[in-house]
Every structure is written in C-alpha cells, then in structure tokens.
N, C-alpha and C. Protein backbone atom coordinates (compact mmCIF):
# COMPACT_ATOMS: atom_id res chain seq x y z
N MET A 1 13.49 139.70 34.45
CA MET A 1 12.26 139.51 33.65
C MET A 1 12.61 138.74 32.22
N LEU A 2 13.75 139.03 31.69
CA LEU A 2 14.13 138.22 30.58
C LEU A 2 14.30 136.79 30.80
N ARG A 3 14.87 136.40 31.96
CA ARG A 3 15.07 135.13 32.30
C ARG A 3 13.66 134.28 32.49
N PHE A 4 12.78 134.91 33.01
CA PHE A 4 11.55 134.33 33.36
C PHE A 4 10.85 133.91 31.96
N THR A 5 10.88 134.81 31.02
CA THR A 5 10.15 134.39 29.69
C THR A 5 11.02 133.36 28.94
N GLN A 6 12.33 133.33 29.03
CA GLN A 6 13.08 132.23 28.50
C GLN A 6 12.82 130.88 29.19
N LEU A 7 12.64 131.00 30.45
CA LEU A 7 12.33 129.79 31.21
C LEU A 7 10.92 129.21 30.86
N SER A 8 9.94 130.19 30.77
CA SER A 8 8.61 129.67 30.45
C SER A 8 8.56 129.13 29.08
N ARG A 9 9.18 129.74 28.09
CA ARG A 9 9.23 129.20 26.72
C ARG A 9 9.82 127.83 26.67
N HIS A 10 10.90 127.64 27.45
CA HIS A 10 11.69 126.27 27.38
C HIS A 10 10.80 125.30 28.01
N SER A 11 10.13 125.57 29.03
CA SER A 11 9.24 124.62 29.70
C SER A 11 8.08 124.26 28.81
N ALA A 12 7.42 125.24 28.16
CA ALA A 12 6.41 125.07 27.23
C ALA A 12 6.76 124.22 26.12
N SER A 13 7.94 124.51 25.55
CA SER A 13 8.45 123.69 24.32
C SER A 13 8.54 122.17 24.74
N GLN A 14 9.05 122.01 25.98
CA GLN A 14 9.27 120.55 26.30
C GLN A 14 7.94 119.83 26.50
N ILE A 15 6.94 120.54 27.07
CA ILE A 15 5.63 119.99 27.25
C ILE A 15 5.07 119.70 25.93
N ARG A 16 5.13 120.68 24.98
CA ARG A 16 4.57 120.57 23.69
C ARG A 16 5.19 119.27 22.98
N GLN A 17 6.51 119.26 23.03
CA GLN A 17 7.21 118.08 22.34
C GLN A 17 6.68 116.86 22.93
N TYR A 18 6.52 116.71 24.28
CA TYR A 18 6.15 115.39 24.85
C TYR A 18 4.66 115.12 24.46
N ALA A 19 3.79 116.19 24.38
CA ALA A 19 2.42 115.99 24.12
C ALA A 19 2.20 115.51 22.63
N THR A 20 3.13 115.99 21.76
CA THR A 20 2.79 115.56 20.36
C THR A 20 3.76 114.50 19.84
N LYS A 21 4.42 113.81 20.78
CA LYS A 21 5.35 112.71 20.40
C LYS A 21 4.46 111.56 19.79
N SER A 22 4.99 111.00 18.69
CA SER A 22 4.30 109.97 17.95
C SER A 22 4.34 108.66 18.87
N LYS A 23 3.26 107.98 18.83
CA LYS A 23 3.27 106.64 19.63
C LYS A 23 3.49 105.59 18.61
N THR A 24 3.72 105.78 17.33
CA THR A 24 4.00 104.67 16.40
C THR A 24 5.47 104.23 16.53
N THR A 25 5.60 102.91 15.97
CA THR A 25 6.94 102.43 16.00
C THR A 25 7.89 103.16 15.11
N ASN A 26 9.20 102.70 15.12
CA ASN A 26 10.17 103.31 14.39
C ASN A 26 9.90 103.09 12.91
N LEU A 27 9.52 104.05 12.20
CA LEU A 27 9.16 103.99 10.73
C LEU A 27 10.39 103.95 9.88
N THR A 28 11.60 104.16 10.41
CA THR A 28 12.92 104.14 9.63
C THR A 28 13.37 102.71 9.47
N SER A 29 12.81 101.87 10.10
CA SER A 29 13.42 100.47 10.18
C SER A 29 13.13 99.82 8.86
N LYS A 30 13.90 98.91 8.46
CA LYS A 30 13.79 98.16 7.17
C LYS A 30 12.76 97.05 7.40
N ALA A 31 12.22 96.49 6.38
CA ALA A 31 11.32 95.37 6.40
C ALA A 31 12.11 94.13 6.67
N ARG A 32 11.46 93.20 7.40
CA ARG A 32 12.22 91.95 7.77
C ARG A 32 11.97 90.82 6.80
N VAL A 33 11.26 91.13 5.61
CA VAL A 33 11.05 90.17 4.63
C VAL A 33 11.89 90.74 3.31
N PRO A 34 12.32 89.86 2.47
CA PRO A 34 13.06 90.23 1.27
C PRO A 34 12.09 91.15 0.35
N THR A 35 12.61 92.13 -0.10
CA THR A 35 11.82 92.98 -1.06
C THR A 35 12.62 93.36 -2.29
N VAL A 36 11.81 93.76 -3.24
CA VAL A 36 12.44 94.26 -4.49
C VAL A 36 11.83 95.50 -4.79
N GLU A 37 12.65 96.53 -5.09
CA GLU A 37 12.25 97.90 -5.49
C GLU A 37 12.27 98.08 -6.91
N ASN A 38 11.27 98.53 -7.54
CA ASN A 38 11.06 98.90 -8.87
C ASN A 38 10.83 100.41 -9.03
N VAL A 39 11.45 101.00 -9.87
CA VAL A 39 11.16 102.40 -10.18
C VAL A 39 10.30 102.46 -11.35
N LEU A 40 9.20 103.19 -11.09
CA LEU A 40 8.14 103.33 -12.18
C LEU A 40 8.44 104.49 -13.06
N PRO A 41 7.78 104.54 -14.23
CA PRO A 41 8.13 105.60 -15.17
C PRO A 41 7.95 107.04 -14.69
N ASP A 42 7.14 107.28 -13.70
CA ASP A 42 6.87 108.57 -13.17
C ASP A 42 7.89 108.97 -11.92
N GLY A 43 8.79 107.98 -11.59
CA GLY A 43 9.73 108.32 -10.66
C GLY A 43 9.36 107.70 -9.38
N THR A 44 8.32 107.18 -9.10
CA THR A 44 7.90 106.60 -7.74
C THR A 44 8.56 105.17 -7.66
N ILE A 45 8.79 104.77 -6.44
CA ILE A 45 9.39 103.50 -6.18
C ILE A 45 8.23 102.61 -5.62
N PHE A 46 8.15 101.43 -6.48
CA PHE A 46 7.12 100.35 -6.06
C PHE A 46 7.92 99.24 -5.33
N ILE A 47 7.47 98.96 -4.11
CA ILE A 47 8.29 97.87 -3.27
C ILE A 47 7.33 96.68 -3.29
N THR A 48 7.95 95.56 -3.74
CA THR A 48 7.20 94.29 -3.68
C THR A 48 7.85 93.31 -2.76
N ARG A 49 7.16 92.69 -1.98
CA ARG A 49 7.62 91.67 -1.00
C ARG A 49 7.76 90.41 -1.73
N LEU A 50 8.89 89.69 -1.40
CA LEU A 50 9.04 88.19 -2.11
C LEU A 50 8.52 87.21 -1.08
N ALA A 51 8.12 86.09 -1.56
CA ALA A 51 7.64 84.99 -0.78
C ALA A 51 8.72 84.45 0.12
N LEU A 52 8.42 84.19 1.37
CA LEU A 52 9.44 83.52 2.36
C LEU A 52 9.70 82.15 2.08
N SER A 53 8.71 81.36 1.51
CA SER A 53 8.83 80.05 1.27
C SER A 53 8.48 79.69 -0.17
N THR A 54 8.86 78.57 -0.56
CA THR A 54 8.72 78.13 -2.00
C THR A 54 7.68 77.02 -1.85
N PRO A 55 6.97 76.65 -3.10
CA PRO A 55 6.04 75.57 -2.90
C PRO A 55 6.54 74.24 -2.55
N GLU A 56 7.76 73.94 -2.84
CA GLU A 56 8.49 72.75 -2.44
C GLU A 56 8.70 72.68 -0.92
N SER A 57 9.00 73.77 -0.34
CA SER A 57 9.27 73.84 1.18
C SER A 57 7.92 73.71 1.86
N SER A 58 6.92 74.35 1.34
CA SER A 58 5.64 74.30 2.01
C SER A 58 4.99 72.87 1.97
N LYS A 59 5.31 72.12 0.91
CA LYS A 59 4.93 70.82 0.86
C LYS A 59 5.55 69.90 1.86
N ALA A 60 6.79 70.17 2.16
CA ALA A 60 7.56 69.32 3.13
C ALA A 60 7.29 69.80 4.60
N ALA A 61 6.64 70.93 4.79
CA ALA A 61 6.22 71.31 6.16
C ALA A 61 5.29 70.37 6.81
N PRO A 62 5.39 70.28 8.14
CA PRO A 62 4.42 69.41 8.88
C PRO A 62 3.01 69.88 8.88
N LEU A 63 1.98 69.10 8.91
CA LEU A 63 0.54 69.53 8.87
C LEU A 63 0.25 70.13 10.06
N LEU A 64 -0.72 71.17 10.04
CA LEU A 64 -1.16 71.90 11.10
C LEU A 64 -2.03 71.10 12.01
N HIS A 65 -2.79 70.37 11.35
CA HIS A 65 -3.88 69.58 12.05
C HIS A 65 -3.33 68.15 11.99
N LYS A 66 -3.72 67.21 12.92
CA LYS A 66 -3.21 65.75 13.04
C LYS A 66 -3.74 65.06 11.92
N LYS A 67 -5.01 65.07 11.63
CA LYS A 67 -5.63 64.40 10.54
C LYS A 67 -6.79 65.09 10.02
N PRO A 68 -7.11 65.15 8.83
CA PRO A 68 -8.31 65.71 8.44
C PRO A 68 -9.54 65.00 8.86
N GLN A 69 -10.57 65.73 9.23
CA GLN A 69 -11.79 65.09 9.71
C GLN A 69 -12.55 64.53 8.59
N ALA A 70 -12.75 63.27 8.68
CA ALA A 70 -13.57 62.54 7.67
C ALA A 70 -15.01 62.82 7.84
N ALA A 71 -15.87 62.58 6.81
CA ALA A 71 -17.30 62.78 6.97
C ALA A 71 -17.85 61.89 8.11
N SER A 72 -18.76 62.44 8.81
CA SER A 72 -19.22 61.61 9.97
C SER A 72 -19.94 60.47 9.45
N LYS A 73 -19.81 59.25 10.18
CA LYS A 73 -20.49 58.08 9.72
C LYS A 73 -21.94 57.93 10.27
N LYS A 74 -22.83 57.46 9.36
CA LYS A 74 -24.23 57.41 9.83
C LYS A 74 -24.26 56.02 10.56
N LEU A 75 -24.71 56.08 11.69
CA LEU A 75 -24.96 54.84 12.47
C LEU A 75 -26.50 54.31 12.44
N GLY A 76 -26.67 53.01 12.31
CA GLY A 76 -27.89 52.50 12.26
C GLY A 76 -28.49 52.22 13.65
N GLU A 77 -29.72 51.77 13.73
CA GLU A 77 -30.34 51.58 14.95
C GLU A 77 -29.70 50.54 15.88
N SER A 78 -29.18 49.44 15.10
CA SER A 78 -28.66 48.44 15.88
C SER A 78 -27.27 48.82 16.46
N GLU A 79 -26.63 49.71 15.84
CA GLU A 79 -25.31 50.11 16.37
C GLU A 79 -25.54 51.13 17.58
N ILE A 80 -26.61 51.94 17.43
CA ILE A 80 -27.05 52.87 18.49
C ILE A 80 -27.44 52.01 19.76
N ALA A 81 -28.22 50.96 19.54
CA ALA A 81 -28.67 50.15 20.62
C ALA A 81 -27.37 49.42 21.23
N GLU A 82 -26.40 49.12 20.55
CA GLU A 82 -25.18 48.48 21.05
C GLU A 82 -24.39 49.54 21.79
N ILE A 83 -24.41 50.65 21.46
CA ILE A 83 -23.87 51.80 22.20
C ILE A 83 -24.38 52.02 23.54
N ARG A 84 -25.82 52.00 23.61
CA ARG A 84 -26.52 52.14 24.82
C ARG A 84 -26.23 50.92 25.68
N LYS A 85 -26.23 49.75 25.16
CA LYS A 85 -25.99 48.53 25.98
C LYS A 85 -24.65 48.61 26.58
N LEU A 86 -23.70 48.84 25.72
CA LEU A 86 -22.20 48.74 26.33
C LEU A 86 -22.14 49.94 27.36
N ARG A 87 -22.65 50.99 27.05
CA ARG A 87 -22.49 52.20 28.12
C ARG A 87 -23.21 51.86 29.38
N ALA A 88 -24.38 51.16 29.35
CA ALA A 88 -24.99 50.74 30.48
C ALA A 88 -24.43 49.73 31.27
N GLU A 89 -23.79 48.69 30.58
CA GLU A 89 -23.18 47.66 31.26
C GLU A 89 -21.93 48.08 32.03
N ASN A 90 -20.99 48.79 31.45
CA ASN A 90 -19.78 49.29 32.22
C ASN A 90 -19.30 50.57 31.72
N PRO A 91 -19.85 51.58 32.34
CA PRO A 91 -19.53 52.96 31.87
C PRO A 91 -18.01 53.37 32.18
N SER A 92 -17.40 52.72 33.18
CA SER A 92 -16.09 52.99 33.44
C SER A 92 -15.15 52.40 32.35
N GLN A 93 -15.52 51.19 31.78
CA GLN A 93 -14.61 50.72 30.62
C GLN A 93 -15.04 51.30 29.29
N TRP A 94 -16.42 51.50 29.09
CA TRP A 94 -16.87 52.04 27.83
C TRP A 94 -17.17 53.53 28.07
N THR A 95 -16.05 54.30 28.00
CA THR A 95 -16.22 55.69 28.09
C THR A 95 -16.71 56.29 26.71
N ARG A 96 -17.07 57.54 26.78
CA ARG A 96 -17.38 58.30 25.53
C ARG A 96 -16.20 58.13 24.54
N LYS A 97 -15.05 58.26 24.92
CA LYS A 97 -14.01 58.27 24.03
C LYS A 97 -13.67 56.93 23.42
N ALA A 98 -13.79 55.93 24.23
CA ALA A 98 -13.61 54.42 23.79
C ALA A 98 -14.80 54.15 22.77
N LEU A 99 -16.03 54.49 23.12
CA LEU A 99 -17.10 54.24 22.18
C LEU A 99 -17.02 54.93 20.90
N ALA A 100 -16.49 56.24 20.96
CA ALA A 100 -16.34 57.04 19.83
C ALA A 100 -15.27 56.48 18.81
N GLU A 101 -14.22 55.92 19.36
CA GLU A 101 -13.13 55.28 18.64
C GLU A 101 -13.77 53.91 17.92
N ARG A 102 -14.41 53.25 18.73
CA ARG A 102 -14.93 51.92 18.33
C ARG A 102 -15.91 52.13 17.06
N PHE A 103 -16.88 53.07 17.19
CA PHE A 103 -17.90 53.28 16.16
C PHE A 103 -17.57 54.23 15.16
N GLY A 104 -16.46 55.09 15.33
CA GLY A 104 -16.10 56.10 14.32
C GLY A 104 -16.93 57.20 14.29
N CYS A 105 -17.33 57.69 15.46
CA CYS A 105 -18.18 58.98 15.48
C CYS A 105 -17.62 59.78 16.59
N SER A 106 -18.26 61.00 16.86
CA SER A 106 -17.73 61.85 17.93
C SER A 106 -18.16 61.54 19.16
N GLU A 107 -17.39 62.01 20.27
CA GLU A 107 -17.74 61.85 21.52
C GLU A 107 -19.09 62.50 22.05
N PHE A 108 -19.37 63.63 21.34
CA PHE A 108 -20.51 64.40 21.55
C PHE A 108 -21.76 63.56 21.03
N PHE A 109 -21.61 62.85 20.04
CA PHE A 109 -22.72 62.04 19.53
C PHE A 109 -22.97 60.93 20.51
N ILE A 110 -21.88 60.29 20.95
CA ILE A 110 -21.98 59.23 22.04
C ILE A 110 -22.85 59.74 23.16
N SER A 111 -22.60 60.98 23.73
CA SER A 111 -23.18 61.45 24.86
C SER A 111 -24.71 61.78 24.67
N ILE A 112 -25.06 62.15 23.31
CA ILE A 112 -26.35 62.36 22.97
C ILE A 112 -27.08 60.98 22.90
N VAL A 113 -26.43 60.04 22.30
CA VAL A 113 -27.20 58.79 22.16
C VAL A 113 -27.38 57.91 23.34
N SER A 114 -26.28 57.90 24.25
CA SER A 114 -26.37 57.13 25.39
C SER A 114 -27.32 57.72 26.43
N GLY A 115 -27.88 58.96 26.18
CA GLY A 115 -28.84 59.50 27.00
C GLY A 115 -28.26 60.07 28.42
N LYS A 116 -29.03 60.09 29.49
CA LYS A 116 -28.63 60.57 30.80
C LYS A 116 -27.47 59.77 31.33
N LYS A 117 -26.67 60.46 32.09
CA LYS A 117 -25.57 59.63 32.76
C LYS A 117 -26.09 58.58 33.59
N GLN A 118 -25.42 57.37 33.49
CA GLN A 118 -25.85 56.24 34.33
C GLN A 118 -25.17 56.34 35.56
N ALA A 119 -25.77 55.88 36.64
CA ALA A 119 -25.26 55.85 38.03
C ALA A 119 -23.96 55.12 38.07
N GLY A 120 -22.93 55.88 38.31
CA GLY A 120 -21.57 55.25 38.29
C GLY A 120 -21.11 54.97 39.59
N VAL A 121 -19.87 54.70 39.80
CA VAL A 121 -19.30 54.34 41.14
C VAL A 121 -18.49 55.55 41.52
N SER A 122 -18.79 55.93 42.79
CA SER A 122 -18.04 57.15 43.31
C SER A 122 -16.71 56.71 43.85
N GLN A 123 -15.96 57.72 44.28
CA GLN A 123 -14.57 57.36 44.88
C GLN A 123 -14.68 56.55 46.13
N VAL A 124 -15.77 56.63 46.84
CA VAL A 124 -15.83 55.94 48.14
C VAL A 124 -16.25 54.50 47.86
N GLY A 125 -16.70 54.12 46.70
CA GLY A 125 -17.09 52.78 46.36
C GLY A 125 -18.57 52.44 46.34
N GLU A 126 -19.40 53.42 46.68
CA GLU A 126 -20.81 53.36 46.70
C GLU A 126 -21.45 53.94 45.48
N THR A 127 -22.63 53.33 45.12
CA THR A 127 -23.19 53.88 44.03
C THR A 127 -23.78 55.39 44.21
N VAL A 128 -23.82 56.12 43.20
CA VAL A 128 -24.21 57.47 43.21
C VAL A 128 -25.68 57.50 43.18
N THR A 129 -26.37 58.16 43.93
CA THR A 129 -27.85 58.31 43.88
C THR A 129 -28.09 59.64 43.14
N GLU A 130 -29.35 60.06 43.16
CA GLU A 130 -29.87 61.20 42.61
C GLU A 130 -29.03 62.48 43.05
N THR A 131 -28.61 62.37 44.29
CA THR A 131 -27.87 63.57 44.81
C THR A 131 -26.53 63.87 44.27
N GLY A 132 -25.68 62.74 43.95
CA GLY A 132 -24.41 62.97 43.68
C GLY A 132 -23.42 62.48 44.59
N TYR A 133 -22.19 62.19 44.31
CA TYR A 133 -21.26 61.49 45.24
C TYR A 133 -20.73 62.40 46.26
N ARG A 134 -20.73 63.73 46.03
CA ARG A 134 -20.06 64.59 47.04
C ARG A 134 -21.16 64.79 48.23
N LYS A 135 -22.41 64.92 47.81
CA LYS A 135 -23.38 65.07 48.86
C LYS A 135 -23.60 63.84 49.60
N LYS A 136 -23.33 62.68 48.92
CA LYS A 136 -23.45 61.34 49.63
C LYS A 136 -22.32 61.32 50.62
N LEU A 137 -21.18 61.65 50.14
CA LEU A 137 -19.90 61.57 51.00
C LEU A 137 -20.07 62.51 52.34
N ILE A 138 -20.51 63.74 52.00
CA ILE A 138 -20.69 64.55 53.16
C ILE A 138 -21.82 64.05 54.20
N HIS A 139 -22.87 63.48 53.62
CA HIS A 139 -23.87 62.93 54.42
C HIS A 139 -23.41 61.70 55.34
N ASP A 140 -22.56 60.93 54.63
CA ASP A 140 -21.99 59.70 55.35
C ASP A 140 -20.95 60.16 56.41
N ASN A 141 -20.17 61.16 56.12
CA ASN A 141 -19.31 61.78 57.12
C ASN A 141 -19.99 62.23 58.36
N ARG A 142 -21.11 63.01 58.05
CA ARG A 142 -21.91 63.60 59.12
C ARG A 142 -22.48 62.44 59.95
N VAL A 143 -23.01 61.37 59.48
CA VAL A 143 -23.51 60.21 60.12
C VAL A 143 -22.44 59.55 61.04
N LYS A 144 -21.28 59.53 60.44
CA LYS A 144 -20.10 58.97 61.31
C LYS A 144 -19.76 59.91 62.50
N ARG A 145 -19.71 61.20 62.24
CA ARG A 145 -19.41 62.06 63.39
C ARG A 145 -20.46 62.01 64.47
N ARG A 146 -21.79 61.93 64.06
CA ARG A 146 -22.74 61.79 65.06
C ARG A 146 -22.63 60.46 65.92
N ALA A 147 -22.25 59.30 65.22
CA ALA A 147 -22.09 58.14 65.90
C ALA A 147 -20.91 58.20 66.92
N MET A 148 -19.98 59.01 66.68
CA MET A 148 -18.82 59.17 67.58
C MET A 148 -19.04 59.94 68.77
N TRP A 149 -20.21 60.79 68.81
CA TRP A 149 -20.61 61.50 70.16
C TRP A 149 -20.76 60.60 71.12
C-alpha cells in the first residue's frame, strides 16, 4: 500500500513538472550586444545597451537600395505619341523596359500609355489573333493531325 502511494505521487509530480515547464528561452543567457550597468541610488541596476556601429562606420556601409527614386518625369503629348508609335512599330525591340529607360519613366506608365497589347509574333512565327498563340498552336496541330488521317 505504501509503495502505491509513493509511486502515484512520483508520477503526478513528473506530469505536473512537465505541464508547467516554461516555453520561454533561457533567460540566464547574457545579452549579445555590449552593455553598461549603472547602479542607481535606490540600489537597482540600470542596464544600457551600447550602439553596435558608429556614425563613421554607418556612412561607409553600402546602400540598401541601388539608387534613390527620382521624382517621376512629366511627359508631354509628343513624347506619349512617340512611345505609342515606337511600341506599335516594333514591340519586340521597344519593350516596356527599353521605353521606360529611354523616356525616364516607369514600366507601368509605359503599359498604361501604350494601350492594349499589340499583336505580337508567337513562337511559331505567325501573328497572334484575338485567341492567343497557344490556342492558335493547338488549332494548327489539330488541323495537321486531321490531314494525316
């Protein structure tokens, strides 16, 4: 009888310890940044973190962004007309990126100004109609298979 009570107490204490175990990290570890401890007049310790970098080292660090974005350039009607003309003449040469670099504006603005996508050249070499090059390719393959019957 005595053994049973000792055994049940032991099991219960193990369960209780497991259930109340803290999920936090080890709080006894030291800070990884340099600190200064000051003792205040009432006896408490005030801990101050020191800066990891100096102003001189932060000036020498590389920039996070490649270049600061300049104010967007206002394009006139003649430039917008030229964008539309270049894009319509040869969309494979005058891509949105190329036009944006030439006129100093964003690719998004070029896509808005140039309007709907122009009919480009598909991978097969035929012009894309309203359906798109994939549907056109599937249709052409189907016609070829029927001809081979």
